[in-house]
Structures are given as structure tokens and as C-alpha cells.
Protein backbone atom coordinates (compact mmCIF):
# COMPACT_ATOMS: atom_id res chain seq x y z
CA UNK A 1 0.08 -0.56 -0.14
CA UNK A 2 2.75 2.03 0.70
CA UNK A 3 4.15 1.85 -3.01
CA UNK A 4 0.49 2.40 -4.61
CA UNK A 5 0.44 5.90 -2.07
CA UNK A 6 3.77 6.15 -3.06
CA UNK A 7 2.33 6.22 -6.98
CA UNK A 8 -0.79 7.97 -6.53
CA UNK A 9 1.44 11.03 -5.08
CA UNK A 10 3.87 10.83 -7.72
CA UNK A 11 1.01 10.76 -10.48
CA UNK A 12 -0.35 13.86 -8.58
CA UNK A 13 2.59 15.77 -8.43
CA UNK A 14 2.92 14.90 -12.01
CA UNK A 15 -0.76 15.99 -12.56
CA UNK A 16 0.38 19.32 -10.80
CA UNK A 17 3.71 20.35 -12.94
CA UNK A 18 1.57 19.56 -16.39
CA UNK A 19 -1.33 21.62 -15.00
CA UNK A 20 1.49 24.41 -14.26
CA UNK A 21 3.00 23.54 -17.62
CA UNK A 22 -0.21 24.20 -19.37
CA UNK A 23 -0.78 27.54 -17.69
CA UNK A 24 2.50 28.38 -18.23
CA UNK A 25 2.15 27.81 -21.72
CA UNK A 26 -1.00 29.49 -22.04
CA UNK A 27 0.64 32.60 -20.34
CA UNK A 28 3.14 32.71 -22.49
CA UNK A 29 0.89 32.44 -25.34
CA UNK A 30 -1.16 35.40 -24.35
CA UNK A 31 1.71 37.48 -23.62
CA UNK A 32 3.05 36.93 -27.54
CA UNK A 33 -0.52 37.55 -28.70
CA UNK A 34 0.02 41.02 -26.37
CA UNK A 35 3.04 41.70 -27.83
CA UNK A 36 1.94 41.28 -31.62
CA UNK A 37 -0.72 43.70 -31.10
CA UNK A 38 1.08 46.25 -29.39
CA UNK A 39 3.66 45.86 -32.29
CA UNK A 40 0.51 46.42 -34.52
CA UNK A 41 -0.21 49.34 -32.81
CA UNK A 42 3.08 50.77 -32.79
CA UNK A 43 3.01 50.49 -36.67
CA UNK A 44 -0.40 51.85 -37.14
CA UNK A 45 0.97 54.92 -35.15
CA UNK A 46 4.24 54.99 -37.34
CA UNK A 47 1.96 55.50 -40.15
CA UNK A 48 -0.10 57.94 -38.37
CA UNK A 49 3.00 60.12 -37.65
CA UNK A 50 4.10 60.05 -40.98
CA UNK A 51 1.08 61.07 -42.29
CA UNK A 52 1.02 63.42 -39.83
CA UNK A 53 4.18 65.48 -40.41
CA UNK A 54 3.19 65.31 -44.41
CA UNK A 55 -0.04 67.22 -43.80
CA UNK A 56 2.29 69.90 -41.43
CA UNK A 57 4.97 69.95 -44.14
CA UNK A 58 1.64 70.94 -46.47
CA UNK A 59 0.05 73.41 -43.99
CA UNK A 60 3.60 75.12 -43.28
CA UNK A 61 3.90 75.50 -46.85
CA UNK A 62 0.78 77.20 -47.36
CA UNK A 63 1.22 79.20 -44.14
CA UNK A 64 4.65 80.54 -45.87
CA UNK A 65 2.25 81.38 -49.77
CA UNK A 66 -0.50 83.10 -47.43
CA UNK A 67 2.18 85.44 -45.58
CA UNK A 68 3.64 86.15 -49.57
CA UNK A 69 0.06 86.75 -50.71
CA UNK A 70 -0.40 89.12 -47.33
CA UNK A 71 3.21 91.04 -47.75
CA UNK A 72 2.21 91.19 -51.42
CA UNK A 73 -1.16 92.87 -50.84
CA UNK A 74 0.08 95.00 -48.03
CA UNK A 75 2.56 96.54 -50.67
CA UNK A 76 0.08 96.75 -53.47
CA UNK A 77 -2.28 98.83 -50.53
CA UNK A 78 0.15 101.19 -49.41
CA UNK A 79 1.21 102.12 -53.22
CA UNK A 80 -2.62 102.63 -53.47
CA UNK A 81 -2.71 104.79 -50.44
CA UNK A 82 -0.02 107.07 -51.89
CA UNK A 83 -1.27 107.10 -55.15
CA UNK A 84 -4.53 108.32 -54.02
CA UNK A 85 -2.86 110.56 -51.38
CA UNK A 86 -1.06 111.88 -54.77
CA UNK A 87 -3.91 112.58 -56.45
CA UNK A 88 -5.93 114.31 -53.45
CA UNK A 89 -2.81 116.44 -53.22
CA UNK A 90 -2.93 117.74 -56.49
């Protein structure tokens, strides 16, 4: 009976060890899935960052063109005002 008890104990410990191994393997797989999700999210964020950088570049270029147009309009207004003053002063 002692050997039966010992065999049962060994089989019980073996069963628990297998359960622990299965749990560890499942946890490892879950971490791998999480890592894959994080990696995919990082790639999406990188793509978003590149798209946003392009939009910022376009916006900066447009702002510069608007500033140039604004300077030209201002110069023309000054010229027009000077012309009007010159006509009125005659």
C-alpha cells in the first residue's frame, strides 16, 4: 500500500506539474499575442505619424504662401494709398 500511495502521490504531483506547465504555456502565448497587438499598434502609430508630418509640411508651405500673398497685398495697398494721397494733394 505504501507503493500505491507513493505512486498516487507521484502521479498527483506529475498532474499538477503538467497543469502548471500548461498554464505557463498559455500565459506565454497570451503574452505573445499581446506583444503582437502592441507591435501592430506601434506600426499604425508610425504610419499616422508619417501622415501627420506630411500634413504639417503641407500646412507650413501653405502658411508661407499665404504670408507672401499677405505681404504683396499689403505692399499694393500702401502703393494704392500713396497714389490716392498724391492725386488728392494735387
